[in-house]
Amino acid sequence: MIAIVMALVGALIGGLTARKRAGNRKDIAQYAAGYGIAFMIVGMVLTVLVDRMLLG
């Protein structure tokens, strides 16, 4: 769950960043994908850490 939420938040931040920098649709899509992937990786690490803390 955390990874999915983080991916969506990252995509939103990436899209807004590209729009703020006056990017076209392709720029916005690329930033959204890049930020989404990066935030999803962070979310996956957080998920593993939380799981290990609760079950460890």
N, C-alpha and C. Protein backbone atom coordinates (compact mmCIF):
# COMPACT_ATOMS: atom_id res chain seq x y z
N MET A 1 0.81 -1.20 0.00
CA MET A 1 0.00 0.00 0.00
C MET A 1 0.85 1.25 0.00
N ILE A 2 1.90 1.24 0.82
CA ILE A 2 2.74 2.42 0.92
C ILE A 2 3.39 2.71 -0.43
N ALA A 3 3.84 1.68 -1.13
CA ALA A 3 4.53 1.87 -2.40
C ALA A 3 3.58 2.47 -3.45
N ILE A 4 2.33 2.03 -3.46
CA ILE A 4 1.37 2.55 -4.43
C ILE A 4 1.07 4.02 -4.16
N VAL A 5 0.87 4.35 -2.90
CA VAL A 5 0.59 5.75 -2.54
C VAL A 5 1.79 6.63 -2.88
N MET A 6 2.98 6.14 -2.56
CA MET A 6 4.19 6.91 -2.86
C MET A 6 4.36 7.10 -4.37
N ALA A 7 4.05 6.08 -5.16
CA ALA A 7 4.16 6.21 -6.61
C ALA A 7 3.20 7.27 -7.14
N LEU A 8 1.99 7.29 -6.62
CA LEU A 8 1.01 8.29 -7.05
C LEU A 8 1.43 9.70 -6.64
N VAL A 9 1.93 9.82 -5.42
CA VAL A 9 2.40 11.13 -4.95
C VAL A 9 3.58 11.59 -5.80
N GLY A 10 4.50 10.68 -6.10
CA GLY A 10 5.65 11.02 -6.93
C GLY A 10 5.25 11.44 -8.33
N ALA A 11 4.28 10.74 -8.91
CA ALA A 11 3.81 11.10 -10.24
C ALA A 11 3.17 12.48 -10.23
N LEU A 12 2.42 12.76 -9.19
CA LEU A 12 1.79 14.08 -9.08
C LEU A 12 2.85 15.18 -8.94
N ILE A 13 3.82 14.95 -8.08
CA ILE A 13 4.88 15.95 -7.89
C ILE A 13 5.67 16.13 -9.19
N GLY A 14 5.97 15.03 -9.86
CA GLY A 14 6.72 15.11 -11.12
C GLY A 14 5.95 15.87 -12.20
N GLY A 15 4.67 15.59 -12.31
CA GLY A 15 3.85 16.29 -13.30
C GLY A 15 3.76 17.78 -13.01
N LEU A 16 3.60 18.12 -11.75
CA LEU A 16 3.52 19.53 -11.38
C LEU A 16 4.86 20.24 -11.59
N THR A 17 5.95 19.52 -11.32
CA THR A 17 7.28 20.10 -11.54
C THR A 17 7.50 20.40 -13.02
N ALA A 18 7.14 19.47 -13.88
CA ALA A 18 7.32 19.68 -15.32
C ALA A 18 6.42 20.80 -15.82
N ARG A 19 5.21 20.87 -15.31
CA ARG A 19 4.31 21.94 -15.73
C ARG A 19 4.84 23.30 -15.28
N LYS A 20 5.39 23.34 -14.07
CA LYS A 20 5.96 24.58 -13.54
C LYS A 20 7.14 25.05 -14.39
N ARG A 21 7.88 24.10 -14.95
CA ARG A 21 9.03 24.42 -15.80
C ARG A 21 8.63 24.61 -17.27
N ALA A 22 7.34 24.74 -17.52
CA ALA A 22 6.78 25.00 -18.85
C ALA A 22 7.09 23.88 -19.84
N GLY A 23 6.94 22.64 -19.38
CA GLY A 23 7.17 21.50 -20.27
C GLY A 23 5.92 21.16 -21.06
N ASN A 24 6.14 20.48 -22.19
CA ASN A 24 4.99 20.04 -22.98
C ASN A 24 4.46 18.72 -22.41
N ARG A 25 3.51 18.11 -23.09
CA ARG A 25 2.87 16.89 -22.56
C ARG A 25 3.86 15.75 -22.37
N LYS A 26 4.79 15.62 -23.31
CA LYS A 26 5.77 14.55 -23.20
C LYS A 26 6.70 14.78 -22.00
N ASP A 27 7.08 16.01 -21.77
CA ASP A 27 7.91 16.33 -20.60
C ASP A 27 7.17 16.00 -19.31
N ILE A 28 5.91 16.38 -19.26
CA ILE A 28 5.10 16.12 -18.06
C ILE A 28 4.99 14.62 -17.82
N ALA A 29 4.76 13.86 -18.88
CA ALA A 29 4.64 12.41 -18.74
C ALA A 29 5.96 11.79 -18.28
N GLN A 30 7.07 12.28 -18.82
CA GLN A 30 8.37 11.72 -18.46
C GLN A 30 8.71 12.05 -17.01
N TYR A 31 8.48 13.27 -16.59
CA TYR A 31 8.74 13.65 -15.19
C TYR A 31 7.84 12.84 -14.26
N ALA A 32 6.57 12.70 -14.61
CA ALA A 32 5.65 11.95 -13.77
C ALA A 32 6.10 10.50 -13.64
N ALA A 33 6.54 9.90 -14.73
CA ALA A 33 7.01 8.52 -14.68
C ALA A 33 8.28 8.39 -13.85
N GLY A 34 9.21 9.29 -14.07
CA GLY A 34 10.47 9.23 -13.34
C GLY A 34 10.30 9.43 -11.84
N TYR A 35 9.55 10.45 -11.47
CA TYR A 35 9.30 10.70 -10.05
C TYR A 35 8.47 9.56 -9.45
N GLY A 36 7.51 9.06 -10.21
CA GLY A 36 6.69 7.96 -9.72
C GLY A 36 7.51 6.72 -9.41
N ILE A 37 8.43 6.39 -10.31
CA ILE A 37 9.29 5.22 -10.09
C ILE A 37 10.20 5.44 -8.89
N ALA A 38 10.80 6.63 -8.81
CA ALA A 38 11.71 6.92 -7.70
C ALA A 38 10.98 6.86 -6.35
N PHE A 39 9.79 7.46 -6.29
CA PHE A 39 9.04 7.45 -5.04
C PHE A 39 8.54 6.05 -4.72
N MET A 40 8.23 5.25 -5.74
CA MET A 40 7.78 3.89 -5.49
C MET A 40 8.91 3.05 -4.87
N ILE A 41 10.13 3.25 -5.33
CA ILE A 41 11.26 2.52 -4.75
C ILE A 41 11.42 2.89 -3.27
N VAL A 42 11.31 4.17 -2.96
CA VAL A 42 11.37 4.61 -1.57
C VAL A 42 10.22 3.98 -0.77
N GLY A 43 9.04 3.94 -1.35
CA GLY A 43 7.89 3.33 -0.68
C GLY A 43 8.09 1.84 -0.43
N MET A 44 8.73 1.15 -1.37
CA MET A 44 8.99 -0.27 -1.17
C MET A 44 9.98 -0.49 -0.02
N VAL A 45 11.00 0.35 0.06
CA VAL A 45 11.95 0.25 1.17
C VAL A 45 11.25 0.53 2.49
N LEU A 46 10.40 1.56 2.52
CA LEU A 46 9.65 1.86 3.74
C LEU A 46 8.74 0.70 4.13
N THR A 47 8.12 0.06 3.15
CA THR A 47 7.25 -1.08 3.43
C THR A 47 8.03 -2.21 4.09
N VAL A 48 9.20 -2.50 3.56
CA VAL A 48 10.03 -3.57 4.14
C VAL A 48 10.46 -3.21 5.55
N LEU A 49 10.87 -1.96 5.76
CA LEU A 49 11.30 -1.54 7.09
C LEU A 49 10.16 -1.62 8.11
N VAL A 50 8.99 -1.15 7.72
CA VAL A 50 7.83 -1.20 8.62
C VAL A 50 7.47 -2.65 8.92
N ASP A 51 7.49 -3.50 7.90
CA ASP A 51 7.14 -4.90 8.09
C ASP A 51 8.13 -5.57 9.05
N ARG A 52 9.39 -5.29 8.90
CA ARG A 52 10.40 -5.89 9.78
C ARG A 52 10.28 -5.38 11.21
N MET A 53 9.92 -4.13 11.36
CA MET A 53 9.76 -3.57 12.71
C MET A 53 8.55 -4.18 13.43
N LEU A 54 7.46 -4.36 12.69
CA LEU A 54 6.25 -4.88 13.31
C LEU A 54 6.33 -6.38 13.59
N LEU A 55 7.01 -7.12 12.72
CA LEU A 55 7.07 -8.57 12.89
C LEU A 55 8.38 -9.04 13.52
N GLY A 56 9.37 -8.16 13.58
CA GLY A 56 10.71 -8.55 14.03
C GLY A 56 10.82 -8.65 15.48
